[in-house]
Amino acid sequence: MIEILLVFAMFGVLGAVMLSLNRLLGPHRPDPLGNREPFECGSPPLQEGIPPSHISYYGTVLLFLLFDIEIVFFFPWALIVRSMTGIALMAMAAFLLPLGAGFAFAWKKGGLDWSER
């Protein structure tokens, strides 16, 4: 129990130090609007002329998220692969088969071709 309290205390002190350093070393330029106007995504609100994103961008983002999340499962597997039995290796192969099929499908459909973006 004391270890948990010690961890919370350390992170509390670390947070206080970081906030204090930001206050001391950060820029001291007041906002001319006084933070009265909303600000979203690096653009002033309701700004005219912001071009929409190309639709292929969203496909690229979804592919990245799909493969990035699935790759996270490889880290624990890589740590114990030498001690795995045949059933565990077959389970990993069953995981890799749809992943490889999805990768091949995305490649065939041009989802990984950056020349047309």
C-alpha atoms as a PDB file:
ATOM      1  CA  MET A   1       0.000   0.000   0.000  1.00  0.00           C
ATOM      2  CA  ILE A   2       2.840   2.384   0.799  1.00  0.00           C
ATOM      3  CA  GLU A   3       4.320   1.788  -2.657  1.00  0.00           C
ATOM      4  CA  ILE A   4       1.130   2.932  -4.356  1.00  0.00           C
ATOM      5  CA  LEU A   5       0.996   6.076  -2.223  1.00  0.00           C
ATOM      6  CA  LEU A   6       4.648   6.733  -3.015  1.00  0.00           C
ATOM      7  CA  VAL A   7       3.957   6.472  -6.770  1.00  0.00           C
ATOM      8  CA  PHE A   8       1.013   8.874  -6.494  1.00  0.00           C
ATOM      9  CA  ALA A   9       3.135  11.295  -4.479  1.00  0.00           C
ATOM     10  CA  MET A  10       5.990  11.130  -7.012  1.00  0.00           C
ATOM     11  CA  PHE A  11       3.650  11.837  -9.921  1.00  0.00           C
ATOM     12  CA  GLY A  12       1.967  14.626  -7.981  1.00  0.00           C
ATOM     13  CA  VAL A  13       5.332  16.265  -7.309  1.00  0.00           C
ATOM     14  CA  LEU A  14       6.369  15.725 -10.938  1.00  0.00           C
ATOM     15  CA  GLY A  15       3.150  17.360 -12.147  1.00  0.00           C
ATOM     16  CA  ALA A  16       3.630  20.327  -9.833  1.00  0.00           C
ATOM     17  CA  VAL A  17       7.253  20.757 -10.986  1.00  0.00           C
ATOM     18  CA  MET A  18       6.250  20.643 -14.651  1.00  0.00           C
ATOM     19  CA  LEU A  19       3.460  23.184 -14.154  1.00  0.00           C
ATOM     20  CA  SER A  20       5.812  25.472 -12.196  1.00  0.00           C
ATOM     21  CA  LEU A  21       8.511  25.255 -14.872  1.00  0.00           C
ATOM     22  CA  ASN A  22       5.961  26.069 -17.546  1.00  0.00           C
ATOM     23  CA  ARG A  23       4.844  29.112 -15.590  1.00  0.00           C
ATOM     24  CA  LEU A  24       8.439  30.264 -15.039  1.00  0.00           C
ATOM     25  CA  LEU A  25       9.996  29.470 -18.415  1.00  0.00           C
ATOM     26  CA  GLY A  26       7.022  29.675 -20.784  1.00  0.00           C
ATOM     27  CA  PRO A  27       6.199  32.687 -22.966  1.00  0.00           C
ATOM     28  CA  HIS A  28       4.333  35.502 -21.255  1.00  0.00           C
ATOM     29  CA  ARG A  29       2.417  36.925 -24.203  1.00  0.00           C
ATOM     30  CA  PRO A  30      -1.204  37.641 -23.356  1.00  0.00           C
ATOM     31  CA  ASP A  31      -3.783  36.782 -26.002  1.00  0.00           C
ATOM     32  CA  PRO A  32      -5.097  39.974 -27.640  1.00  0.00           C
ATOM     33  CA  LEU A  33      -8.617  38.510 -27.695  1.00  0.00           C
ATOM     34  CA  GLY A  34      -8.399  37.414 -24.093  1.00  0.00           C
ATOM     35  CA  ASN A  35      -9.407  33.837 -24.955  1.00  0.00           C
ATOM     36  CA  ARG A  36     -12.932  34.991 -25.708  1.00  0.00           C
ATOM     37  CA  GLU A  37     -13.048  33.505 -29.199  1.00  0.00           C
ATOM     38  CA  PRO A  38     -13.053  29.747 -29.905  1.00  0.00           C
ATOM     39  CA  PHE A  39     -10.115  28.181 -31.696  1.00  0.00           C
ATOM     40  CA  GLU A  40     -10.298  24.826 -33.421  1.00  0.00           C
ATOM     41  CA  CYS A  41      -7.746  22.698 -35.249  1.00  0.00           C
ATOM     42  CA  GLY A  42      -5.287  25.522 -35.865  1.00  0.00           C
ATOM     43  CA  SER A  43      -7.835  27.618 -37.772  1.00  0.00           C
ATOM     44  CA  PRO A  44     -10.002  30.522 -36.734  1.00  0.00           C
ATOM     45  CA  PRO A  45     -13.659  29.513 -36.434  1.00  0.00           C
ATOM     46  CA  LEU A  46     -15.757  29.592 -39.601  1.00  0.00           C
ATOM     47  CA  GLN A  47     -12.818  30.579 -41.780  1.00  0.00           C
ATOM     48  CA  GLU A  48     -13.702  30.633 -45.463  1.00  0.00           C
ATOM     49  CA  GLY A  49     -11.597  28.842 -48.007  1.00  0.00           C
ATOM     50  CA  ILE A  50     -10.374  25.861 -46.008  1.00  0.00           C
ATOM     51  CA  PRO A  51     -10.117  23.095 -48.602  1.00  0.00           C
ATOM     52  CA  PRO A  52     -11.619  19.719 -47.667  1.00  0.00           C
ATOM     53  CA  SER A  53      -9.334  16.730 -47.276  1.00  0.00           C
ATOM     54  CA  HIS A  54      -9.078  14.332 -50.196  1.00  0.00           C
ATOM     55  CA  ILE A  55     -11.115  11.160 -49.669  1.00  0.00           C
ATOM     56  CA  SER A  56      -8.078   8.912 -50.137  1.00  0.00           C
ATOM     57  CA  TYR A  57      -6.606  10.421 -46.969  1.00  0.00           C
ATOM     58  CA  TYR A  58      -9.307   8.774 -44.874  1.00  0.00           C
ATOM     59  CA  GLY A  59      -8.608   5.362 -46.394  1.00  0.00           C
ATOM     60  CA  THR A  60      -4.925   5.764 -45.609  1.00  0.00           C
ATOM     61  CA  VAL A  61      -5.728   6.715 -42.028  1.00  0.00           C
ATOM     62  CA  LEU A  62      -8.006   3.707 -41.560  1.00  0.00           C
ATOM     63  CA  LEU A  63      -5.366   1.348 -42.974  1.00  0.00           C
ATOM     64  CA  PHE A  64      -2.760   2.843 -40.676  1.00  0.00           C
ATOM     65  CA  LEU A  65      -4.972   2.409 -37.620  1.00  0.00           C
ATOM     66  CA  LEU A  66      -5.916  -1.124 -38.577  1.00  0.00           C
ATOM     67  CA  PHE A  67      -2.358  -2.336 -39.060  1.00  0.00           C
ATOM     68  CA  ASP A  68      -0.948  -0.266 -36.211  1.00  0.00           C
ATOM     69  CA  ILE A  69      -3.345  -1.743 -33.675  1.00  0.00           C
ATOM     70  CA  GLU A  70      -2.776  -5.270 -34.941  1.00  0.00           C
ATOM     71  CA  ILE A  71       1.001  -4.861 -34.837  1.00  0.00           C
ATOM     72  CA  VAL A  72       0.732  -4.131 -31.093  1.00  0.00           C
ATOM     73  CA  PHE A  73      -0.235  -7.781 -30.600  1.00  0.00           C
ATOM     74  CA  PHE A  74       3.125  -8.871 -32.039  1.00  0.00           C
ATOM     75  CA  PHE A  75       5.179  -7.490 -29.142  1.00  0.00           C
ATOM     76  CA  PRO A  76       4.054 -10.001 -26.489  1.00  0.00           C
ATOM     77  CA  TRP A  77       4.218 -12.763 -29.092  1.00  0.00           C
ATOM     78  CA  ALA A  78       7.803 -11.856 -29.972  1.00  0.00           C
ATOM     79  CA  LEU A  79       8.812 -12.187 -26.327  1.00  0.00           C
ATOM     80  CA  ILE A  80       7.559 -15.751 -25.943  1.00  0.00           C
ATOM     81  CA  VAL A  81       7.816 -17.165 -29.470  1.00  0.00           C
ATOM     82  CA  ARG A  82      10.682 -19.518 -28.560  1.00  0.00           C
ATOM     83  CA  SER A  83       8.722 -21.178 -25.770  1.00  0.00           C
ATOM     84  CA  MET A  84       5.466 -21.554 -27.705  1.00  0.00           C
ATOM     85  CA  THR A  85       3.913 -24.924 -28.417  1.00  0.00           C
ATOM     86  CA  GLY A  86       2.355 -26.054 -31.676  1.00  0.00           C
ATOM     87  CA  ILE A  87      -1.163 -24.992 -30.691  1.00  0.00           C
ATOM     88  CA  ALA A  88       0.003 -21.491 -29.795  1.00  0.00           C
ATOM     89  CA  LEU A  89       1.836 -21.203 -33.103  1.00  0.00           C
ATOM     90  CA  MET A  90      -1.308 -22.282 -34.960  1.00  0.00           C
ATOM     91  CA  ALA A  91      -3.296 -19.637 -33.066  1.00  0.00           C
ATOM     92  CA  MET A  92      -0.778 -17.006 -34.116  1.00  0.00           C
ATOM     93  CA  ALA A  93      -0.967 -18.250 -37.701  1.00  0.00           C
ATOM     94  CA  ALA A  94      -4.756 -17.920 -37.497  1.00  0.00           C
ATOM     95  CA  PHE A  95      -4.217 -14.319 -36.405  1.00  0.00           C
ATOM     96  CA  LEU A  96      -1.691 -13.635 -39.160  1.00  0.00           C
ATOM     97  CA  LEU A  97      -3.794 -15.095 -41.978  1.00  0.00           C
ATOM     98  CA  PRO A  98      -6.545 -12.401 -41.964  1.00  0.00           C
ATOM     99  CA  LEU A  99      -3.918  -9.727 -41.351  1.00  0.00           C
ATOM    100  CA  GLY A 100      -1.954 -10.861 -44.388  1.00  0.00           C
ATOM    101  CA  ALA A 101      -5.142 -11.167 -46.461  1.00  0.00           C
ATOM    102  CA  GLY A 102      -6.138  -7.613 -45.528  1.00  0.00           C
ATOM    103  CA  PHE A 103      -2.682  -6.339 -46.386  1.00  0.00           C
ATOM    104  CA  ALA A 104      -2.743  -8.109 -49.767  1.00  0.00           C
ATOM    105  CA  PHE A 105      -6.238  -6.750 -50.490  1.00  0.00           C
ATOM    106  CA  ALA A 106      -5.202  -3.181 -49.622  1.00  0.00           C
ATOM    107  CA  TRP A 107      -2.096  -3.526 -51.778  1.00  0.00           C
ATOM    108  CA  LYS A 108      -4.071  -4.924 -54.748  1.00  0.00           C
ATOM    109  CA  LYS A 109      -6.703  -2.160 -54.506  1.00  0.00           C
ATOM    110  CA  GLY A 110      -3.986   0.533 -54.451  1.00  0.00           C
ATOM    111  CA  GLY A 111      -4.544   1.586 -50.861  1.00  0.00           C
ATOM    112  CA  LEU A 112      -0.791   1.631 -50.272  1.00  0.00           C
ATOM    113  CA  ASP A 113       0.106   3.476 -53.499  1.00  0.00           C
ATOM    114  CA  TRP A 114       1.233   6.977 -52.576  1.00  0.00           C
ATOM    115  CA  SER A 115       1.854   8.183 -56.131  1.00  0.00           C
ATOM    116  CA  GLU A 116      -1.768   9.166 -56.731  1.00  0.00           C
ATOM    117  CA  ARG A 117      -2.172  11.115 -53.476  1.00  0.00           C
END
